[in-house]
Structures are given as C-alpha cells and as structure tokens.
Amino acid sequence: MLSNSLGRTPYDPYAGFGLLGDFDEVVLSGHHGLRKPDPAVFQLVLDDLGLPDEECVFVDDSEENLQTAVGPGADDRVRAR
C-alpha cells in the first residue's frame, strides 16, 4: 500500500485496519518525504517489495499517479477509470 498520508501522528487514520496483515508493504509518504506522483516513491515501493514493476499492480484514483507509476512509454499498461 502506498499512501500520500502525512503519517500516523497525532492522529492515526489507519488504526485498527491491520495494514501489515493485508499488504506486503505499507509506505506512507510522511515517513519518507516523498509523495505520489514522484517516480522515486514508486521505486521505493518496488525496492521494498523486491519486485520489478511488471509484476505489480497499481490502483489509484488519479490518472496522473497512474502515468507516473508505469513510467514513460507504458501507456498501453494504463487503464484509467
């Protein structure tokens, strides 16, 4: 899970959701100083997962984030709805 969250303090919007039980990795922007659509935050997630982008699925509500997640020249892999 990659979220443009400011973090978990003073209020934790993720409390009680058991994110680490539901996701292989949880990356909160506030902890890394990077936010979507910065390509570096997507690379951080890939590095944490130890996977190439071709083996991952990214779902977002912003087409801008989708474009950045797959990189240049990958328009055929973007499905914005």
C-alpha atoms as a PDB file:
ATOM      1  CA  MET A   1       0.000   0.000   0.000  1.00  0.00           C
ATOM      2  CA  LEU A   2       1.300   3.425  -0.926  1.00  0.00           C
ATOM      3  CA  SER A   3      -0.453   6.403   0.623  1.00  0.00           C
ATOM      4  CA  ASN A   4       0.155  10.132   0.418  1.00  0.00           C
ATOM      5  CA  SER A   5      -0.501  10.185   4.143  1.00  0.00           C
ATOM      6  CA  LEU A   6       1.099  12.713   6.436  1.00  0.00           C
ATOM      7  CA  GLY A   7       1.773   9.895   8.883  1.00  0.00           C
ATOM      8  CA  ARG A   8       0.223   8.391  11.954  1.00  0.00           C
ATOM      9  CA  THR A   9       0.634  11.174  14.496  1.00  0.00           C
ATOM     10  CA  PRO A  10      -1.041  12.949  16.146  1.00  0.00           C
ATOM     11  CA  TYR A  11      -3.999  11.089  14.576  1.00  0.00           C
ATOM     12  CA  ASP A  12      -3.630   7.615  13.060  1.00  0.00           C
ATOM     13  CA  PRO A  13      -6.176   7.192  10.250  1.00  0.00           C
ATOM     14  CA  TYR A  14      -5.008   3.581   9.834  1.00  0.00           C
ATOM     15  CA  ALA A  15      -5.503   2.441  13.443  1.00  0.00           C
ATOM     16  CA  GLY A  16      -7.426  -0.777  13.657  1.00  0.00           C
ATOM     17  CA  PHE A  17      -7.075  -1.710   9.996  1.00  0.00           C
ATOM     18  CA  GLY A  18      -4.191  -4.196  10.331  1.00  0.00           C
ATOM     19  CA  LEU A  19      -2.482  -2.914   7.205  1.00  0.00           C
ATOM     20  CA  LEU A  20       0.603  -5.091   7.572  1.00  0.00           C
ATOM     21  CA  GLY A  21      -1.653  -8.126   7.683  1.00  0.00           C
ATOM     22  CA  ASP A  22      -3.413  -7.086   4.468  1.00  0.00           C
ATOM     23  CA  PHE A  23      -0.471  -5.736   2.438  1.00  0.00           C
ATOM     24  CA  ASP A  24       3.065  -6.975   1.831  1.00  0.00           C
ATOM     25  CA  GLU A  25       4.434  -3.454   2.334  1.00  0.00           C
ATOM     26  CA  VAL A  26       2.993  -0.205   3.667  1.00  0.00           C
ATOM     27  CA  VAL A  27       4.656   3.014   2.517  1.00  0.00           C
ATOM     28  CA  LEU A  28       3.363   6.279   3.953  1.00  0.00           C
ATOM     29  CA  SER A  29       4.623   9.409   2.243  1.00  0.00           C
ATOM     30  CA  GLY A  30       5.026  11.243   5.525  1.00  0.00           C
ATOM     31  CA  HIS A  31       7.642   8.713   6.647  1.00  0.00           C
ATOM     32  CA  HIS A  32       9.772   9.055   3.515  1.00  0.00           C
ATOM     33  CA  GLY A  33       9.409  12.667   2.429  1.00  0.00           C
ATOM     34  CA  LEU A  34       8.172  11.510  -0.991  1.00  0.00           C
ATOM     35  CA  ARG A  35       4.669  11.765  -2.423  1.00  0.00           C
ATOM     36  CA  LYS A  36       2.843  10.422  -5.444  1.00  0.00           C
ATOM     37  CA  PRO A  37       3.303  11.224  -8.324  1.00  0.00           C
ATOM     38  CA  ASP A  38       7.074  11.435  -7.673  1.00  0.00           C
ATOM     39  CA  PRO A  39       8.574   8.416  -9.508  1.00  0.00           C
ATOM     40  CA  ALA A  40      11.005   7.916  -6.613  1.00  0.00           C
ATOM     41  CA  VAL A  41       8.196   6.867  -4.259  1.00  0.00           C
ATOM     42  CA  PHE A  42       7.073   4.155  -6.674  1.00  0.00           C
ATOM     43  CA  GLN A  43      10.659   2.909  -6.933  1.00  0.00           C
ATOM     44  CA  LEU A  44      10.845   2.850  -3.143  1.00  0.00           C
ATOM     45  CA  VAL A  45       7.830   0.510  -3.040  1.00  0.00           C
ATOM     46  CA  LEU A  46       9.312  -1.737  -5.738  1.00  0.00           C
ATOM     47  CA  ASP A  47      12.594  -1.899  -3.842  1.00  0.00           C
ATOM     48  CA  ASP A  48      10.782  -2.751  -0.598  1.00  0.00           C
ATOM     49  CA  LEU A  49       8.844  -5.498  -2.376  1.00  0.00           C
ATOM     50  CA  GLY A  50      11.908  -6.743  -4.253  1.00  0.00           C
ATOM     51  CA  LEU A  51       9.876  -6.908  -7.460  1.00  0.00           C
ATOM     52  CA  PRO A  52      10.079  -5.366 -10.928  1.00  0.00           C
ATOM     53  CA  ASP A  53       7.214  -3.078 -11.927  1.00  0.00           C
ATOM     54  CA  GLU A  54       5.983  -5.649 -14.473  1.00  0.00           C
ATOM     55  CA  GLU A  55       4.986  -7.947 -11.595  1.00  0.00           C
ATOM     56  CA  CYS A  56       2.982  -5.329  -9.677  1.00  0.00           C
ATOM     57  CA  VAL A  57      -0.471  -3.806  -9.908  1.00  0.00           C
ATOM     58  CA  PHE A  58      -1.033  -0.175  -9.014  1.00  0.00           C
ATOM     59  CA  VAL A  59      -4.535   1.163  -8.397  1.00  0.00           C
ATOM     60  CA  ASP A  60      -5.185   4.850  -7.845  1.00  0.00           C
ATOM     61  CA  ASP A  61      -7.924   7.430  -8.279  1.00  0.00           C
ATOM     62  CA  SER A  62      -5.657   9.884 -10.121  1.00  0.00           C
ATOM     63  CA  GLU A  63      -4.613   9.382 -13.735  1.00  0.00           C
ATOM     64  CA  GLU A  64      -1.516  11.494 -13.048  1.00  0.00           C
ATOM     65  CA  ASN A  65      -0.368   8.946 -10.480  1.00  0.00           C
ATOM     66  CA  LEU A  66      -1.046   6.076 -12.875  1.00  0.00           C
ATOM     67  CA  GLN A  67       1.058   7.647 -15.615  1.00  0.00           C
ATOM     68  CA  THR A  68       3.981   8.219 -13.277  1.00  0.00           C
ATOM     69  CA  ALA A  69       3.723   4.758 -11.726  1.00  0.00           C
ATOM     70  CA  VAL A  70       4.213   2.930 -15.015  1.00  0.00           C
ATOM     71  CA  GLY A  71       6.762   5.360 -16.439  1.00  0.00           C
ATOM     72  CA  PRO A  72       7.164   6.876 -19.887  1.00  0.00           C
ATOM     73  CA  GLY A  73       6.203   4.795 -22.895  1.00  0.00           C
ATOM     74  CA  ALA A  74       3.948   2.478 -20.944  1.00  0.00           C
ATOM     75  CA  ASP A  75       0.610   3.998 -21.957  1.00  0.00           C
ATOM     76  CA  ASP A  76      -0.668   0.606 -23.114  1.00  0.00           C
ATOM     77  CA  ARG A  77      -0.500  -0.615 -19.491  1.00  0.00           C
ATOM     78  CA  VAL A  78      -2.505   2.295 -18.030  1.00  0.00           C
ATOM     79  CA  ARG A  79      -6.205   1.785 -17.535  1.00  0.00           C
ATOM     80  CA  ALA A  80      -7.767   4.896 -16.016  1.00  0.00           C
ATOM     81  CA  ARG A  81     -11.417   4.650 -14.993  1.00  0.00           C
END
